[in-house]
Amino acid sequence: MDQKVKPIIFLNPVFKQMIWGGERLGTDWPYEIPGPDTGECWAVSAHPNGDCTVRDGAYAGKALSELWEEEPALFGNFESEGTPKLDRFPLLTKIIDAKSDLSIQVHPDDAYAKSHENGSLGKTECWYILDCEPDATLVIGHNAKDKEELAAMIKEGRWHEFIREVPVKRGDFIQIDPGTVHAIKGGIMLLETQQNSDITYRVYDYDRLSGGKPRQLHVEQSIDVITVPAKPAAECIKDAANLLKDQMNLLISCPYYQVWKFDVTNMVSFAQEHPFLIMSVIAGDGEINGQPIRKGDHFILPCGYGEVTLEGRMEIIAASI
């Protein structure tokens, strides 16, 4: 495939100011952020709540959602027998800077979201820990034995009994399936790959106020969708800090996405054979097929792009369906 016809699609991020956000997306990353409470960088998104635009080239200024509709060949989005056309760009990549703790929350699966959230997708997601304190923890899972105990713990506010915190470190990779109680703790920065969904049910928010009022909770929906008993934490976390250099390392393959990590120290070559490949440079700098890239760049290699050569010293997280 002629790479001049199917160029690399670099994207402009969308930023979200949050009650728990900080300023590291502007100090540790090469972004102009809207304020010192910037919690999220939606780096590759076609969601209506944050639709990225193309940075340069033939499609400059076009929203990713528009590109998905108007140029389906870029994303391998062909209808074939047994493979229905996807109705929206399926993935969303974020960088999250948690200056303070996020709410205790849970996401629904596709079936629940479709029937209760106006046809939305559910939300399966995964995290790569970019930075954290030496004694960092995350909330992953809970301690309730059955639905009855789950409902009692939540409604009675027995949060110390209910919540399960686990230690994490830089380079850890965590899969968060729908129904998993979870929360990012303050001081953690991570890259998130998820379904293209913005549905979150808050179980508990530490009685914080936003604009003088408590943020909305979703207690009944949470009780509906939380998986009981919780999956063992060890099954959710893997160490991805010291993988083989100069190759694609598969971190997860699930029905919604595949995610890889590249630790480039010299040169990596591979064929782009996926419907599309999202790539996020999370450290260092280098080149892709002779084009300069650096930390903070997010781009899509379209369907049929062909041979890819990465050179330099950098770390990249990649994802596809």
Protein backbone atom coordinates (compact mmCIF):
# COMPACT_ATOMS: atom_id res chain seq x y z
CA MET A 1 0.00 0.00 0.00
CA ASP A 2 1.26 3.42 -0.94
CA GLN A 3 2.04 5.26 2.32
CA LYS A 4 1.47 8.60 0.57
CA VAL A 5 -2.16 7.55 0.03
CA LYS A 6 -2.50 6.19 3.58
CA PRO A 7 -0.35 8.48 5.72
CA ILE A 8 0.33 8.29 9.45
CA ILE A 9 -2.56 10.02 11.20
CA PHE A 10 -1.23 12.24 14.02
CA LEU A 11 -3.89 13.54 16.42
CA ASN A 12 -4.39 16.59 18.61
CA PRO A 13 -5.38 15.57 22.16
CA VAL A 14 -8.48 16.81 24.03
CA PHE A 15 -7.98 17.73 27.71
CA LYS A 16 -10.41 17.31 30.61
CA GLN A 17 -10.30 19.33 33.83
CA MET A 18 -11.28 17.18 36.81
CA ILE A 19 -11.74 17.65 40.56
CA TRP A 20 -8.83 15.23 41.10
CA GLY A 21 -6.58 16.47 38.24
CA GLY A 22 -3.14 18.08 38.38
CA GLU A 23 -0.69 19.89 36.15
CA ARG A 24 1.78 17.16 35.19
CA LEU A 25 0.30 16.81 31.71
CA GLY A 26 1.73 20.30 31.17
CA THR A 27 5.00 19.92 33.09
CA ASP A 28 6.00 16.30 32.37
CA TRP A 29 4.47 16.17 28.88
CA PRO A 30 4.72 18.61 25.94
CA TYR A 31 1.10 19.73 26.14
CA GLU A 32 -0.58 23.09 26.59
CA ILE A 33 -3.15 22.23 29.25
CA PRO A 34 -6.22 24.33 30.14
CA GLY A 35 -5.43 24.61 33.86
CA PRO A 36 -3.75 23.11 36.95
CA ASP A 37 -6.63 20.65 37.47
CA THR A 38 -6.16 18.80 34.16
CA GLY A 39 -6.83 15.14 34.86
CA GLU A 40 -7.19 13.54 31.45
CA CYS A 41 -5.63 13.75 28.02
CA TRP A 42 -7.93 12.08 25.51
CA ALA A 43 -5.15 11.26 23.10
CA VAL A 44 -6.95 9.11 20.52
CA SER A 45 -10.71 9.59 20.69
CA ALA A 46 -13.72 9.79 18.41
CA HIS A 47 -16.19 10.01 21.31
CA PRO A 48 -18.70 12.90 21.22
CA ASN A 49 -17.44 14.08 24.62
CA GLY A 50 -13.92 14.53 23.21
CA ASP A 51 -13.35 14.12 19.49
CA CYS A 52 -9.67 14.47 18.49
CA THR A 53 -8.72 16.28 15.30
CA VAL A 54 -6.00 15.35 12.81
CA ARG A 55 -2.84 17.40 13.39
CA ASP A 56 -1.48 17.75 9.86
CA GLY A 57 -1.41 16.35 6.36
CA ALA A 58 -4.25 15.77 3.92
CA TYR A 59 -6.82 15.31 6.68
CA ALA A 60 -5.65 18.20 8.91
CA GLY A 61 -8.41 19.61 11.11
CA LYS A 62 -10.81 16.75 10.45
CA ALA A 63 -12.32 15.06 13.51
CA LEU A 64 -11.47 11.39 14.00
CA SER A 65 -15.19 10.54 14.01
CA GLU A 66 -15.53 12.24 10.60
CA LEU A 67 -12.53 10.39 9.23
CA TRP A 68 -14.01 7.10 10.46
CA GLU A 69 -17.26 7.80 8.58
CA GLU A 70 -15.78 9.30 5.42
CA GLU A 71 -12.66 7.18 4.90
CA PRO A 72 -13.50 3.68 6.19
CA ALA A 73 -10.70 2.12 4.15
CA LEU A 74 -8.19 3.77 6.51
CA PHE A 75 -9.50 1.56 9.32
CA GLY A 76 -10.12 -1.69 7.50
CA ASN A 77 -13.79 -1.14 8.18
CA PHE A 78 -15.26 -3.35 5.47
CA GLU A 79 -18.55 -5.18 5.78
CA SER A 80 -18.19 -8.88 5.08
CA GLU A 81 -20.21 -11.98 5.81
CA GLY A 82 -20.17 -12.59 9.55
CA THR A 83 -18.32 -9.31 10.23
CA PRO A 84 -20.77 -6.41 10.59
CA LYS A 85 -19.50 -2.88 10.06
CA LEU A 86 -18.60 -1.19 13.35
CA ASP A 87 -20.87 1.80 14.00
CA ARG A 88 -18.14 3.93 15.66
CA PHE A 89 -14.38 4.07 16.14
CA PRO A 90 -14.04 1.31 18.75
CA LEU A 91 -11.19 2.45 21.05
CA LEU A 92 -10.19 5.42 23.19
CA THR A 93 -6.66 6.12 24.49
CA LYS A 94 -6.12 8.41 27.50
CA ILE A 95 -3.32 9.61 29.73
CA ILE A 96 -4.58 10.15 33.29
CA ASP A 97 -2.86 12.37 35.88
CA ALA A 98 -4.38 11.72 39.30
CA LYS A 99 -3.23 14.41 41.73
CA SER A 100 -5.75 13.03 44.26
CA ASP A 101 -7.84 9.86 44.45
CA LEU A 102 -10.48 9.14 41.82
CA SER A 103 -13.90 7.95 42.97
CA ILE A 104 -14.53 4.28 43.70
CA GLN A 105 -16.24 3.21 40.49
CA VAL A 106 -17.32 0.40 38.19
CA HIS A 107 -18.20 0.11 34.49
CA PRO A 108 -21.03 -1.85 32.87
CA ASP A 109 -20.66 -4.37 30.07
CA ASP A 110 -22.06 -3.89 26.56
CA ALA A 111 -25.43 -5.52 27.27
CA TYR A 112 -26.16 -3.42 30.38
CA ALA A 113 -24.95 -0.17 28.78
CA LYS A 114 -26.96 -0.78 25.63
CA SER A 115 -30.22 -1.25 27.56
CA HIS A 116 -29.63 1.33 30.32
CA GLU A 117 -27.43 4.00 28.68
CA ASN A 118 -29.07 4.86 25.35
CA GLY A 119 -27.21 2.31 23.27
CA SER A 120 -23.73 3.15 24.60
CA LEU A 121 -20.94 0.63 24.51
CA GLY A 122 -19.87 -0.85 27.83
CA LYS A 123 -16.40 -0.11 29.13
CA THR A 124 -13.58 -2.62 29.27
CA GLU A 125 -10.26 -0.89 29.91
CA CYS A 126 -6.62 -1.49 30.78
CA TRP A 127 -3.89 0.60 32.39
CA TYR A 128 -0.14 0.92 31.96
CA ILE A 129 1.42 2.65 34.99
CA LEU A 130 3.63 5.48 33.69
CA ASP A 131 4.67 6.87 37.08
CA CYS A 132 3.80 6.50 40.75
CA GLU A 133 5.20 6.81 44.26
CA PRO A 134 7.25 3.89 45.65
CA ASP A 135 4.40 2.81 47.97
CA ALA A 136 1.58 3.35 45.46
CA THR A 137 -1.67 1.37 45.55
CA LEU A 138 -4.75 1.04 43.37
CA VAL A 139 -8.26 -0.07 44.24
CA ILE A 140 -8.90 -3.26 42.26
CA GLY A 141 -11.78 -5.45 43.37
CA HIS A 142 -13.63 -5.78 46.66
CA ASN A 143 -14.09 -8.11 49.64
CA ALA A 144 -17.81 -8.94 49.52
CA LYS A 145 -18.66 -12.65 49.36
CA ASP A 146 -22.06 -12.30 47.67
CA LYS A 147 -24.53 -9.72 46.33
CA GLU A 148 -26.28 -9.42 49.69
CA GLU A 149 -23.06 -8.55 51.52
CA LEU A 150 -22.04 -6.27 48.63
CA ALA A 151 -25.26 -4.25 48.88
CA ALA A 152 -25.01 -4.03 52.68
CA MET A 153 -21.37 -2.85 52.63
CA ILE A 154 -22.14 -0.14 50.05
CA LYS A 155 -25.39 1.12 51.55
CA GLU A 156 -23.92 1.15 55.09
CA GLY A 157 -20.75 2.93 53.94
CA ARG A 158 -18.40 0.19 55.19
CA TRP A 159 -15.73 1.30 52.75
CA HIS A 160 -12.66 0.02 54.63
CA GLU A 161 -14.18 -3.47 54.71
CA PHE A 162 -15.41 -3.30 51.14
CA ILE A 163 -12.49 -1.86 49.17
CA ARG A 164 -9.48 -3.97 48.15
CA GLU A 165 -6.25 -2.01 47.65
CA VAL A 166 -3.26 -3.62 45.96
CA PRO A 167 0.33 -2.38 45.58
CA VAL A 168 1.48 -1.31 42.10
CA LYS A 169 4.68 0.04 40.59
CA ARG A 170 5.83 1.80 37.45
CA GLY A 171 5.57 -0.53 34.46
CA ASP A 172 2.65 -2.58 35.81
CA PHE A 173 -0.17 -3.42 33.42
CA ILE A 174 -3.71 -3.93 34.72
CA GLN A 175 -6.79 -5.25 32.93
CA ILE A 176 -10.09 -3.85 34.26
CA ASP A 177 -13.05 -5.92 33.06
CA PRO A 178 -16.63 -4.60 33.35
CA GLY A 179 -17.96 -5.27 36.84
CA THR A 180 -14.55 -4.67 38.48
CA VAL A 181 -14.57 -2.16 41.35
CA HIS A 182 -11.59 0.14 40.79
CA ALA A 183 -10.05 3.52 41.54
CA ILE A 184 -6.83 5.29 40.55
CA LYS A 185 -5.11 6.73 43.63
CA GLY A 186 -3.45 10.12 43.92
CA GLY A 187 0.11 10.37 42.61
CA ILE A 188 -0.39 7.85 39.82
CA MET A 189 -0.06 8.65 36.12
CA LEU A 190 -1.11 6.02 33.61
CA LEU A 191 -2.02 5.35 30.01
CA GLU A 192 -5.46 3.84 29.53
CA THR A 193 -6.73 1.88 26.54
CA GLN A 194 -10.49 1.35 26.60
CA GLN A 195 -13.64 0.82 24.61
CA ASN A 196 -15.06 3.98 23.09
CA SER A 197 -17.37 4.70 26.03
CA ASP A 198 -17.76 7.37 28.71
CA ILE A 199 -20.02 5.41 31.09
CA THR A 200 -18.81 5.32 34.68
CA TYR A 201 -20.84 4.42 37.77
CA ARG A 202 -19.55 6.06 40.96
CA VAL A 203 -19.94 3.88 44.03
CA TYR A 204 -18.30 6.32 46.49
CA ASP A 205 -16.62 9.73 46.14
CA TYR A 206 -15.25 10.42 49.67
CA ASP A 207 -18.09 12.94 50.25
CA ARG A 208 -16.25 15.47 48.06
CA LEU A 209 -17.97 18.58 46.77
CA SER A 210 -17.76 19.90 43.22
CA GLY A 211 -19.19 23.39 42.78
CA GLY A 212 -20.46 23.18 46.35
CA LYS A 213 -22.44 19.98 45.73
CA PRO A 214 -21.64 16.27 46.01
CA ARG A 215 -21.00 14.59 42.67
CA GLN A 216 -23.67 12.18 41.49
CA LEU A 217 -23.41 8.59 42.72
CA HIS A 218 -24.82 5.54 40.93
CA VAL A 219 -25.35 3.12 43.80
CA GLU A 220 -28.13 0.95 42.38
CA GLN A 221 -26.49 0.65 38.95
CA SER A 222 -23.20 -0.23 40.66
CA ILE A 223 -24.80 -2.99 42.71
CA ASP A 224 -26.41 -4.29 39.50
CA VAL A 225 -23.14 -4.60 37.58
CA ILE A 226 -20.38 -5.35 40.16
CA THR A 227 -19.01 -8.86 39.76
CA VAL A 228 -19.25 -10.96 42.95
CA PRO A 229 -16.97 -12.41 44.15
CA ALA A 230 -14.18 -10.25 42.73
CA LYS A 231 -11.49 -11.82 40.58
CA PRO A 232 -8.19 -12.32 42.49
CA ALA A 233 -6.03 -9.21 42.09
CA ALA A 234 -3.06 -11.28 40.90
CA GLU A 235 -5.07 -12.25 37.81
CA CYS A 236 -5.51 -8.57 36.85
CA ILE A 237 -1.90 -7.32 37.12
CA LYS A 238 1.26 -8.17 35.18
CA ASP A 239 4.76 -6.69 35.22
CA ALA A 240 5.47 -5.02 31.88
CA ALA A 241 8.50 -2.95 32.94
CA ASN A 242 11.30 -5.25 31.78
CA LEU A 243 10.19 -6.88 28.57
CA LEU A 244 12.31 -7.98 25.63
CA LYS A 245 13.79 -5.02 23.76
CA ASP A 246 13.22 -4.08 20.14
CA GLN A 247 10.13 -6.18 19.51
CA MET A 248 6.34 -6.08 19.93
CA ASN A 249 5.40 -7.46 23.36
CA LEU A 250 1.75 -8.46 23.66
CA LEU A 251 0.28 -7.28 26.99
CA ILE A 252 -3.36 -8.30 26.52
CA SER A 253 -5.65 -9.81 23.94
CA CYS A 254 -9.36 -9.67 24.77
CA PRO A 255 -12.56 -9.41 22.69
CA TYR A 256 -12.28 -5.60 22.55
CA TYR A 257 -8.60 -4.86 21.97
CA GLN A 258 -5.03 -6.05 21.79
CA VAL A 259 -2.31 -3.96 23.46
CA TRP A 260 1.45 -4.16 22.93
CA LYS A 261 4.54 -2.49 24.34
CA PHE A 262 7.67 -1.58 22.40
CA ASP A 263 10.94 -0.82 24.21
CA VAL A 264 12.97 0.58 21.33
CA THR A 265 16.73 0.77 21.95
CA ASN A 266 17.93 0.50 18.38
CA MET A 267 15.53 -0.53 15.62
CA VAL A 268 12.24 -2.43 15.35
CA SER A 269 10.64 -3.48 12.06
CA PHE A 270 7.23 -5.05 11.59
CA ALA A 271 4.34 -5.16 9.13
CA GLN A 272 1.19 -3.22 10.02
CA GLU A 273 -1.38 -5.95 9.35
CA HIS A 274 -4.16 -4.84 11.72
CA PRO A 275 -7.32 -2.91 10.75
CA PHE A 276 -5.50 0.07 12.28
CA LEU A 277 -2.78 0.49 14.91
CA ILE A 278 -2.87 3.22 17.57
CA MET A 279 0.60 4.17 18.81
CA SER A 280 1.45 6.38 21.82
CA VAL A 281 5.03 7.46 22.55
CA ILE A 282 5.29 7.39 26.37
CA ALA A 283 9.03 8.03 26.74
CA GLY A 284 12.02 9.10 24.66
CA ASP A 285 12.16 10.00 20.99
CA GLY A 286 13.11 8.61 17.62
CA GLU A 287 11.70 8.08 14.15
CA ILE A 288 9.00 6.07 12.42
CA ASN A 289 9.91 5.40 8.80
CA GLY A 290 12.20 8.43 8.95
CA GLN A 291 9.57 10.76 10.46
CA PRO A 292 10.49 12.24 13.88
CA ILE A 293 8.35 11.24 16.87
CA ARG A 294 8.71 12.01 20.56
CA LYS A 295 7.11 11.52 23.96
CA GLY A 296 3.52 12.78 23.84
CA ASP A 297 2.87 11.94 20.18
CA HIS A 298 -0.18 9.79 19.45
CA PHE A 299 -0.93 8.53 15.97
CA ILE A 300 -2.72 5.86 13.96
CA LEU A 301 -1.13 3.65 11.33
CA PRO A 302 -3.98 2.96 8.89
CA CYS A 303 -5.03 -0.36 7.39
CA GLY A 304 -2.59 -1.62 4.78
CA TYR A 305 0.13 0.81 5.82
CA GLY A 306 2.72 -1.88 5.24
CA GLU A 307 6.27 -2.11 6.61
CA VAL A 308 7.08 -0.04 9.70
CA THR A 309 10.55 0.78 11.05
CA LEU A 310 11.02 2.38 14.46
CA GLU A 311 14.44 3.77 15.37
CA GLY A 312 15.73 5.60 18.45
CA ARG A 313 15.38 5.20 22.19
CA MET A 314 11.73 5.28 23.21
CA GLU A 315 8.84 3.40 24.76
CA ILE A 316 5.57 2.99 22.86
CA ILE A 317 2.18 1.52 23.79
CA ALA A 318 0.21 0.28 20.76
CA ALA A 319 -3.36 -0.96 20.44
CA SER A 320 -5.77 -2.37 17.89
CA ILE A 321 -8.93 -4.46 17.72
